Amino acid sequence: MNEYCVVITNPMIAANKSAEVTLSKFLRIISPVYQEITVVGGNISLERDLQGIHVYSIPIKRAPQKFKRILDIVELQVQMVRQVRNIVQKGTPVYFWVGDKMIFPYWAARRKGADIRYFIYGNVLKEGFPSIFTKLSAKLIAYMANHADSVCVESAHVMHEWDGLINNRKMREIHLYTSVASVTPPEQRENIVGMLCRLTSGKHVLECIQAFTEVKKHFPEYRMEIIGSGRQEAECKALIQQLHADGYIDMLGWIEHDQIIEKTKKWKYLLSPSDTEGMPNSVLEMMGQGIPVIASPVGGVADIIHDGKNGWVLYETSSNDIAEQLKKVITHAELYNDISKSAQESIEKEYVLEAAQKRARTSCRM
């Protein structure tokens, strides 16, 4: 067991607890590898069982003006640099977990001779129509990844999301996990196609709403539920009204992580089109319940979903293509029970906590 590592992360300034949940999962995965772990960031909050982790948390609020937010992030990073200088030594493993904006602590860790291990996720340039800030963010991510001692991914296919931009081939695979939930028997599940995602253009929620109105004509017993929030929330609601679909498409808004299983346990399918991904928690969690997933083969999804065996692959994301795939899946109802069982078995084998810790023991020590 190595003695010590540092984890650097972006500030937790969102109103929900998703950052707390994912950071806590990551720390549980690597905790068997290290005797001591220190986390450095803004507004750090961990789940209760992680009291032994050292936390250096700097308060930060989300300012309403974009320029003020940038200044606040710079000030936060200056304070983080001071801590990095105090706790990092030559050869200390430093993980940048969701740390794509932390360039000043990154430089400070490099100057100390740290062993920098930088996580990459989905390619931000592939999400909808990239702004100038998105393009700058992508350049920053590529710079930090290419100059790190190693790149960390949650699944091997995530590297392909960055082809031509990231050429650092020293890769460590350290993925998150989910709990395998008790499965609602297939005959007790309702005819619900669910979505669980951010409401942004890269998730194709508008296309899914349009697609489902076509599916409804052929399968009137089905309805749709959408969990999530984001920039397109108002647009999604307006489209549902325009299509007169409010009687069978429900937008449930943001739901905290500890309520997800209860809200989704009777879903029949998860629909998850996307332009780019790391390893989406929603896919792992639904498969862990035995809920088959229909998803784009991007990032880690390509490593976990095998078309027609434990889920279905969605190769295109237009409303017509989504509708056709949904109709095909629902039509072949005789395959459902076997695919549901295989989906949960895939999670039990590779994506529970014990399996993730076992992989981390190898990857962290490479």
Protein backbone atom coordinates (compact mmCIF):
# COMPACT_ATOMS: atom_id res chain seq x y z
CA MET A 1 0.00 0.00 0.00
CA ASN A 2 1.31 3.47 -0.92
CA GLU A 3 1.30 5.92 1.95
CA TYR A 4 -0.28 9.07 0.58
CA CYS A 5 -2.07 10.75 -2.32
CA VAL A 6 -3.76 14.06 -3.07
CA VAL A 7 -7.04 14.60 -4.96
CA ILE A 8 -7.69 17.99 -6.56
CA THR A 9 -11.17 18.79 -7.82
CA ASN A 10 -13.28 21.64 -9.20
CA PRO A 11 -15.40 23.58 -6.68
CA MET A 12 -18.76 22.15 -5.69
CA ILE A 13 -21.03 25.11 -6.43
CA ALA A 14 -24.10 23.37 -7.89
CA ALA A 15 -27.31 23.27 -5.86
CA ASN A 16 -27.53 19.47 -6.04
CA LYS A 17 -25.36 16.77 -4.47
CA SER A 18 -24.17 14.98 -7.61
CA ALA A 19 -20.56 16.20 -7.21
CA GLU A 20 -20.52 15.02 -3.58
CA VAL A 21 -21.81 11.58 -4.59
CA THR A 22 -19.32 11.01 -7.41
CA LEU A 23 -16.31 12.33 -5.47
CA SER A 24 -17.25 10.12 -2.51
CA LYS A 25 -17.45 7.10 -4.80
CA PHE A 26 -14.01 7.83 -6.23
CA LEU A 27 -12.50 8.13 -2.76
CA ARG A 28 -14.01 4.81 -1.68
CA ILE A 29 -12.46 3.17 -4.74
CA ILE A 30 -8.92 4.38 -4.09
CA SER A 31 -9.01 4.25 -0.27
CA PRO A 32 -7.69 0.64 -0.09
CA VAL A 33 -4.61 1.77 -2.06
CA TYR A 34 -3.54 4.65 0.20
CA GLN A 35 -3.12 5.02 3.94
CA GLU A 36 -3.80 8.75 3.76
CA ILE A 37 -5.75 10.88 1.26
CA THR A 38 -6.12 14.67 1.15
CA VAL A 39 -8.76 16.37 -1.00
CA VAL A 40 -8.26 20.00 -2.07
CA GLY A 41 -11.02 22.11 -3.63
CA GLY A 42 -13.89 24.52 -3.04
CA ASN A 43 -16.97 23.74 -0.92
CA ILE A 44 -15.86 20.12 -0.53
CA SER A 45 -18.51 17.88 0.98
CA LEU A 46 -18.16 14.12 1.44
CA GLU A 47 -20.56 11.41 2.51
CA ARG A 48 -20.50 10.40 6.17
CA ASP A 49 -18.49 7.19 5.93
CA LEU A 50 -15.44 9.11 4.64
CA GLN A 51 -14.57 10.96 7.85
CA GLY A 52 -10.99 9.67 7.70
CA ILE A 53 -10.24 11.64 4.53
CA HIS A 54 -8.36 14.92 5.06
CA VAL A 55 -10.24 17.81 3.42
CA TYR A 56 -8.89 21.27 2.58
CA SER A 57 -12.04 23.12 1.52
CA ILE A 58 -12.19 26.79 0.50
CA PRO A 59 -15.60 28.54 0.58
CA ILE A 60 -16.82 29.86 -2.76
CA LYS A 61 -20.21 31.12 -3.99
CA ARG A 62 -21.56 31.21 -7.52
CA ALA A 63 -21.62 34.88 -8.53
CA PRO A 64 -24.39 36.02 -10.93
CA GLN A 65 -21.93 37.76 -13.29
CA LYS A 66 -19.69 35.58 -15.47
CA PHE A 67 -16.65 37.89 -15.09
CA LYS A 68 -16.98 37.78 -11.29
CA ARG A 69 -17.23 33.96 -11.43
CA ILE A 70 -13.94 33.84 -13.36
CA LEU A 71 -12.25 36.07 -10.78
CA ASP A 72 -13.59 33.89 -7.96
CA ILE A 73 -12.21 30.74 -9.62
CA VAL A 74 -8.80 32.39 -9.99
CA GLU A 75 -8.78 33.41 -6.32
CA LEU A 76 -9.83 29.90 -5.31
CA GLN A 77 -6.98 28.40 -7.31
CA VAL A 78 -4.44 30.79 -5.77
CA GLN A 79 -5.47 29.53 -2.33
CA MET A 80 -5.32 25.93 -3.54
CA VAL A 81 -1.78 26.50 -4.83
CA ARG A 82 -0.65 27.44 -1.32
CA GLN A 83 -2.00 24.15 0.00
CA VAL A 84 -0.45 22.13 -2.83
CA ARG A 85 2.95 23.63 -2.04
CA ASN A 86 2.56 22.56 1.59
CA ILE A 87 1.39 18.96 1.13
CA VAL A 88 2.81 17.72 -2.19
CA GLN A 89 6.30 16.27 -2.41
CA LYS A 90 8.33 14.84 -5.28
CA GLY A 91 6.62 11.67 -6.48
CA THR A 92 3.33 12.24 -4.61
CA PRO A 93 0.41 10.83 -6.66
CA VAL A 94 -1.91 13.76 -7.40
CA TYR A 95 -5.26 12.92 -9.00
CA PHE A 96 -7.16 15.62 -10.85
CA TRP A 97 -10.70 14.26 -10.43
CA VAL A 98 -13.18 16.47 -12.30
CA GLY A 99 -10.35 18.99 -12.12
CA ASP A 100 -10.37 20.29 -15.67
CA LYS A 101 -10.28 23.98 -14.60
CA MET A 102 -7.56 23.63 -11.96
CA ILE A 103 -4.60 24.85 -14.02
CA PHE A 104 -2.82 26.79 -11.24
CA PRO A 105 -2.80 23.85 -8.77
CA TYR A 106 -1.73 21.69 -11.72
CA TRP A 107 1.31 23.86 -12.40
CA ALA A 108 2.11 23.98 -8.68
CA ALA A 109 2.01 20.17 -8.46
CA ARG A 110 4.26 19.85 -11.52
CA ARG A 111 6.81 22.24 -10.02
CA LYS A 112 6.90 20.06 -6.90
CA GLY A 113 7.65 17.00 -9.03
CA ALA A 114 4.33 15.28 -8.30
CA ASP A 115 3.13 12.20 -10.18
CA ILE A 116 0.19 13.87 -11.95
CA ARG A 117 -2.76 11.64 -12.85
CA TYR A 118 -5.32 13.59 -14.85
CA PHE A 119 -8.89 12.35 -15.44
CA ILE A 120 -10.61 12.95 -18.77
CA TYR A 121 -14.29 12.41 -19.53
CA GLY A 122 -16.47 13.16 -22.55
CA ASN A 123 -15.17 15.61 -25.15
CA VAL A 124 -16.79 19.00 -24.50
CA LEU A 125 -16.31 19.96 -28.16
CA LYS A 126 -18.83 17.29 -29.17
CA GLU A 127 -21.62 18.63 -26.96
CA GLY A 128 -23.98 20.61 -29.16
CA PHE A 129 -22.55 23.84 -30.57
CA PRO A 130 -19.33 24.74 -28.73
CA SER A 131 -18.88 28.34 -27.58
CA ILE A 132 -15.55 30.14 -27.32
CA PHE A 133 -15.45 29.17 -23.63
CA THR A 134 -16.03 25.52 -24.54
CA LYS A 135 -13.19 25.65 -27.05
CA LEU A 136 -10.87 27.19 -24.47
CA SER A 137 -11.92 24.53 -21.96
CA ALA A 138 -11.10 21.78 -24.46
CA LYS A 139 -7.64 23.27 -25.10
CA LEU A 140 -7.02 23.43 -21.36
CA ILE A 141 -8.09 19.81 -20.86
CA ALA A 142 -5.89 18.63 -23.74
CA TYR A 143 -2.90 20.60 -22.41
CA MET A 144 -3.25 19.20 -18.89
CA ALA A 145 -3.80 15.64 -20.14
CA ASN A 146 -0.86 15.72 -22.54
CA HIS A 147 1.53 17.07 -19.90
CA ALA A 148 0.39 14.77 -17.09
CA ASP A 149 2.39 11.71 -16.07
CA SER A 150 -0.67 9.61 -16.92
CA VAL A 151 -4.25 10.02 -18.10
CA CYS A 152 -7.04 8.43 -16.06
CA VAL A 153 -10.28 7.26 -17.65
CA GLU A 154 -13.34 5.44 -16.37
CA SER A 155 -13.35 3.24 -19.46
CA ALA A 156 -10.88 2.59 -22.27
CA HIS A 157 -13.15 3.93 -25.03
CA VAL A 158 -13.14 7.39 -23.42
CA MET A 159 -9.72 7.93 -25.02
CA HIS A 160 -11.36 7.71 -28.45
CA GLU A 161 -13.53 10.71 -27.59
CA TRP A 162 -10.34 12.79 -27.69
CA ASP A 163 -8.64 11.32 -30.78
CA GLY A 164 -6.37 13.93 -32.37
CA LEU A 165 -6.33 16.12 -29.26
CA ILE A 166 -4.89 13.97 -26.48
CA ASN A 167 -1.82 11.88 -27.31
CA ASN A 168 -0.69 10.85 -23.83
CA ARG A 169 -0.88 7.05 -23.99
CA LYS A 170 0.06 6.30 -20.37
CA MET A 171 -3.48 5.34 -19.32
CA ARG A 172 -4.98 4.24 -16.01
CA GLU A 173 -8.51 2.85 -15.96
CA ILE A 174 -10.31 3.68 -12.71
CA HIS A 175 -14.08 3.51 -12.99
CA LEU A 176 -16.94 4.28 -10.64
CA TYR A 177 -19.43 1.74 -9.38
CA THR A 178 -23.06 1.30 -8.49
CA SER A 179 -25.02 -0.83 -6.09
CA VAL A 180 -27.00 -3.72 -7.50
CA ALA A 181 -30.57 -2.99 -6.45
CA SER A 182 -33.36 -5.46 -5.90
CA VAL A 183 -35.06 -5.85 -9.24
CA THR A 184 -38.71 -5.07 -9.84
CA PRO A 185 -40.01 -8.21 -11.59
CA PRO A 186 -40.47 -7.49 -15.30
CA GLU A 187 -44.18 -8.22 -15.15
CA GLN A 188 -44.58 -5.51 -12.48
CA ARG A 189 -42.76 -2.81 -14.42
CA GLU A 190 -44.79 -0.12 -16.07
CA ASN A 191 -44.61 0.78 -19.73
CA ILE A 192 -42.32 3.74 -19.15
CA VAL A 193 -39.39 4.90 -21.25
CA GLY A 194 -37.23 7.01 -18.95
CA MET A 195 -34.47 9.55 -19.43
CA LEU A 196 -32.03 10.56 -16.69
CA CYS A 197 -29.65 13.31 -17.83
CA ARG A 198 -28.79 16.98 -18.08
CA LEU A 199 -31.21 18.80 -20.35
CA THR A 200 -28.69 20.04 -22.90
CA SER A 201 -28.36 19.76 -26.67
CA GLY A 202 -25.70 17.05 -26.40
CA LYS A 203 -28.22 14.72 -24.72
CA HIS A 204 -30.81 15.05 -27.52
CA VAL A 205 -33.78 15.37 -25.18
CA LEU A 206 -35.75 17.45 -27.70
CA GLU A 207 -35.25 14.77 -30.34
CA CYS A 208 -36.39 12.11 -27.86
CA ILE A 209 -39.57 14.03 -27.07
CA GLN A 210 -40.37 14.29 -30.77
CA ALA A 211 -39.50 10.63 -31.30
CA PHE A 212 -41.74 9.48 -28.49
CA THR A 213 -44.80 11.19 -29.96
CA GLU A 214 -44.30 8.92 -32.98
CA VAL A 215 -43.78 5.84 -30.78
CA LYS A 216 -46.99 6.68 -28.90
CA LYS A 217 -49.01 6.25 -32.11
CA HIS A 218 -47.88 2.61 -32.35
CA PHE A 219 -47.73 1.80 -28.63
CA PRO A 220 -50.44 3.88 -26.91
CA GLU A 221 -49.89 2.08 -23.60
CA TYR A 222 -46.42 3.65 -23.21
CA ARG A 223 -45.46 6.93 -21.58
CA MET A 224 -42.21 8.81 -20.97
CA GLU A 225 -40.61 10.28 -17.83
CA ILE A 226 -37.66 12.70 -17.93
CA ILE A 227 -35.52 13.32 -14.84
CA GLY A 228 -33.01 16.16 -14.95
CA SER A 229 -32.51 19.88 -15.31
CA GLY A 230 -30.46 22.12 -17.57
CA ARG A 231 -30.41 24.86 -20.17
CA GLN A 232 -33.07 23.28 -22.37
CA GLU A 233 -35.63 22.70 -19.63
CA ALA A 234 -37.98 25.48 -20.74
CA GLU A 235 -37.58 24.47 -24.38
CA CYS A 236 -38.44 20.86 -23.56
CA LYS A 237 -41.58 21.89 -21.68
CA ALA A 238 -42.64 24.15 -24.55
CA LEU A 239 -42.16 21.36 -27.09
CA ILE A 240 -44.25 18.96 -25.01
CA GLN A 241 -47.05 21.53 -24.91
CA GLN A 242 -46.72 22.23 -28.63
CA LEU A 243 -47.01 18.51 -29.41
CA HIS A 244 -49.95 18.11 -26.99
CA ALA A 245 -47.91 15.41 -25.27
CA ASP A 246 -48.27 16.58 -21.66
CA GLY A 247 -50.67 13.71 -20.98
CA TYR A 248 -47.98 11.09 -21.54
CA ILE A 249 -44.58 12.82 -21.24
CA ASP A 250 -43.75 13.94 -17.70
CA MET A 251 -40.81 16.15 -16.77
CA LEU A 252 -39.90 15.41 -13.15
CA GLY A 253 -37.06 17.92 -12.76
CA TRP A 254 -33.90 17.33 -10.77
CA ILE A 255 -34.06 14.47 -8.25
CA GLU A 256 -31.36 13.90 -5.65
CA HIS A 257 -29.29 10.77 -5.99
CA ASP A 258 -30.71 8.98 -2.94
CA GLN A 259 -34.21 9.13 -4.48
CA ILE A 260 -33.29 7.90 -7.96
CA ILE A 261 -33.88 4.17 -7.36
CA GLU A 262 -37.33 4.78 -5.91
CA LYS A 263 -38.33 7.03 -8.83
CA THR A 264 -37.05 4.73 -11.56
CA LYS A 265 -37.63 1.20 -10.24
CA LYS A 266 -40.72 0.63 -12.39
CA TRP A 267 -39.24 1.97 -15.63
CA LYS A 268 -39.05 -0.50 -18.47
CA TYR A 269 -36.23 1.18 -20.45
CA LEU A 270 -33.66 3.94 -20.09
CA LEU A 271 -33.19 6.03 -23.24
CA SER A 272 -29.75 7.65 -23.32
CA PRO A 273 -28.63 9.25 -26.60
CA SER A 274 -25.51 11.38 -26.26
CA ASP A 275 -22.81 13.06 -28.34
CA THR A 276 -20.02 12.19 -25.89
CA GLU A 277 -19.60 10.48 -22.51
CA GLY A 278 -17.18 9.29 -19.89
CA MET A 279 -18.90 6.45 -18.06
CA PRO A 280 -22.43 7.70 -17.34
CA ASN A 281 -23.68 6.89 -13.85
CA SER A 282 -27.26 6.75 -15.11
CA VAL A 283 -26.40 3.81 -17.37
CA LEU A 284 -24.65 1.90 -14.58
CA GLU A 285 -27.44 2.55 -12.09
CA MET A 286 -30.28 1.53 -14.38
CA MET A 287 -28.50 -1.62 -15.54
CA GLY A 288 -27.86 -2.39 -11.86
CA GLN A 289 -31.64 -2.50 -11.44
CA GLY A 290 -32.03 -4.71 -14.47
CA ILE A 291 -33.47 -1.86 -16.54
CA PRO A 292 -32.18 -2.28 -20.11
CA VAL A 293 -30.56 0.77 -21.69
CA ILE A 294 -30.85 2.12 -25.23
CA ALA A 295 -27.78 4.33 -25.63
CA SER A 296 -25.32 5.91 -28.05
CA PRO A 297 -22.03 3.95 -28.28
CA VAL A 298 -19.84 6.82 -27.05
CA GLY A 299 -17.19 6.80 -24.33
CA GLY A 300 -17.62 4.08 -21.74
CA VAL A 301 -21.03 3.07 -23.09
CA ALA A 302 -19.24 1.27 -25.92
CA ASP A 303 -17.43 -0.88 -23.34
CA ILE A 304 -20.45 -1.91 -21.31
CA ILE A 305 -23.44 -2.25 -23.67
CA HIS A 306 -23.43 -5.10 -26.15
CA ASP A 307 -26.17 -4.60 -28.71
CA GLY A 308 -29.05 -7.05 -28.34
CA LYS A 309 -27.41 -8.87 -25.43
CA ASN A 310 -27.53 -6.63 -22.35
CA GLY A 311 -29.02 -3.51 -23.96
CA TRP A 312 -29.34 -1.80 -27.30
CA VAL A 313 -27.08 0.58 -29.20
CA LEU A 314 -28.47 3.78 -30.68
CA TYR A 315 -26.26 4.58 -33.65
CA GLU A 316 -27.97 7.83 -34.72
CA THR A 317 -29.62 10.60 -32.72
CA SER A 318 -32.18 12.17 -35.07
CA SER A 319 -35.80 11.99 -33.90
CA ASN A 320 -36.60 9.55 -36.73
CA ASP A 321 -33.74 7.22 -35.83
CA ILE A 322 -34.59 7.29 -32.13
CA ALA A 323 -38.24 6.54 -32.90
CA GLU A 324 -37.35 3.61 -35.17
CA GLN A 325 -35.03 2.05 -32.59
CA LEU A 326 -37.59 2.45 -29.81
CA LYS A 327 -40.29 0.83 -31.92
CA LYS A 328 -37.95 -2.03 -32.78
CA VAL A 329 -37.03 -2.62 -29.14
CA ILE A 330 -40.63 -2.52 -27.89
CA THR A 331 -41.80 -4.78 -30.72
CA HIS A 332 -39.38 -7.54 -29.70
CA ALA A 333 -40.80 -7.87 -26.20
CA GLU A 334 -39.85 -11.55 -26.10
CA LEU A 335 -36.19 -10.54 -25.63
CA TYR A 336 -36.87 -8.29 -22.66
CA ASN A 337 -36.46 -10.67 -19.71
CA ASP A 338 -33.14 -12.10 -20.93
CA ILE A 339 -31.69 -8.68 -21.70
CA SER A 340 -32.85 -7.33 -18.34
CA LYS A 341 -31.11 -10.21 -16.55
CA SER A 342 -27.92 -9.81 -18.61
CA ALA A 343 -27.83 -6.07 -17.89
CA GLN A 344 -27.76 -6.63 -14.15
CA GLU A 345 -25.25 -9.47 -14.42
CA SER A 346 -22.90 -7.15 -16.35
CA ILE A 347 -22.94 -4.73 -13.42
CA GLU A 348 -22.52 -7.44 -10.79
CA LYS A 349 -19.41 -8.70 -12.56
CA GLU A 350 -17.54 -5.46 -13.29
CA TYR A 351 -19.16 -2.38 -11.74
CA VAL A 352 -19.83 -2.98 -8.05
CA LEU A 353 -17.57 -1.43 -5.39
CA GLU A 354 -15.43 -4.53 -4.84
CA ALA A 355 -14.71 -4.88 -8.57
CA ALA A 356 -13.87 -1.17 -8.90
CA GLN A 357 -11.49 -1.35 -5.92
CA LYS A 358 -9.79 -4.42 -7.35
CA ARG A 359 -9.17 -2.63 -10.66
CA ALA A 360 -7.95 0.49 -8.84
CA ARG A 361 -5.37 -1.51 -6.88
CA THR A 362 -3.78 -2.47 -10.18
CA SER A 363 -4.24 0.84 -12.02
CA CYS A 364 -3.06 3.08 -9.19
CA ARG A 365 0.15 1.09 -8.76
CA MET A 366 1.16 1.00 -12.43
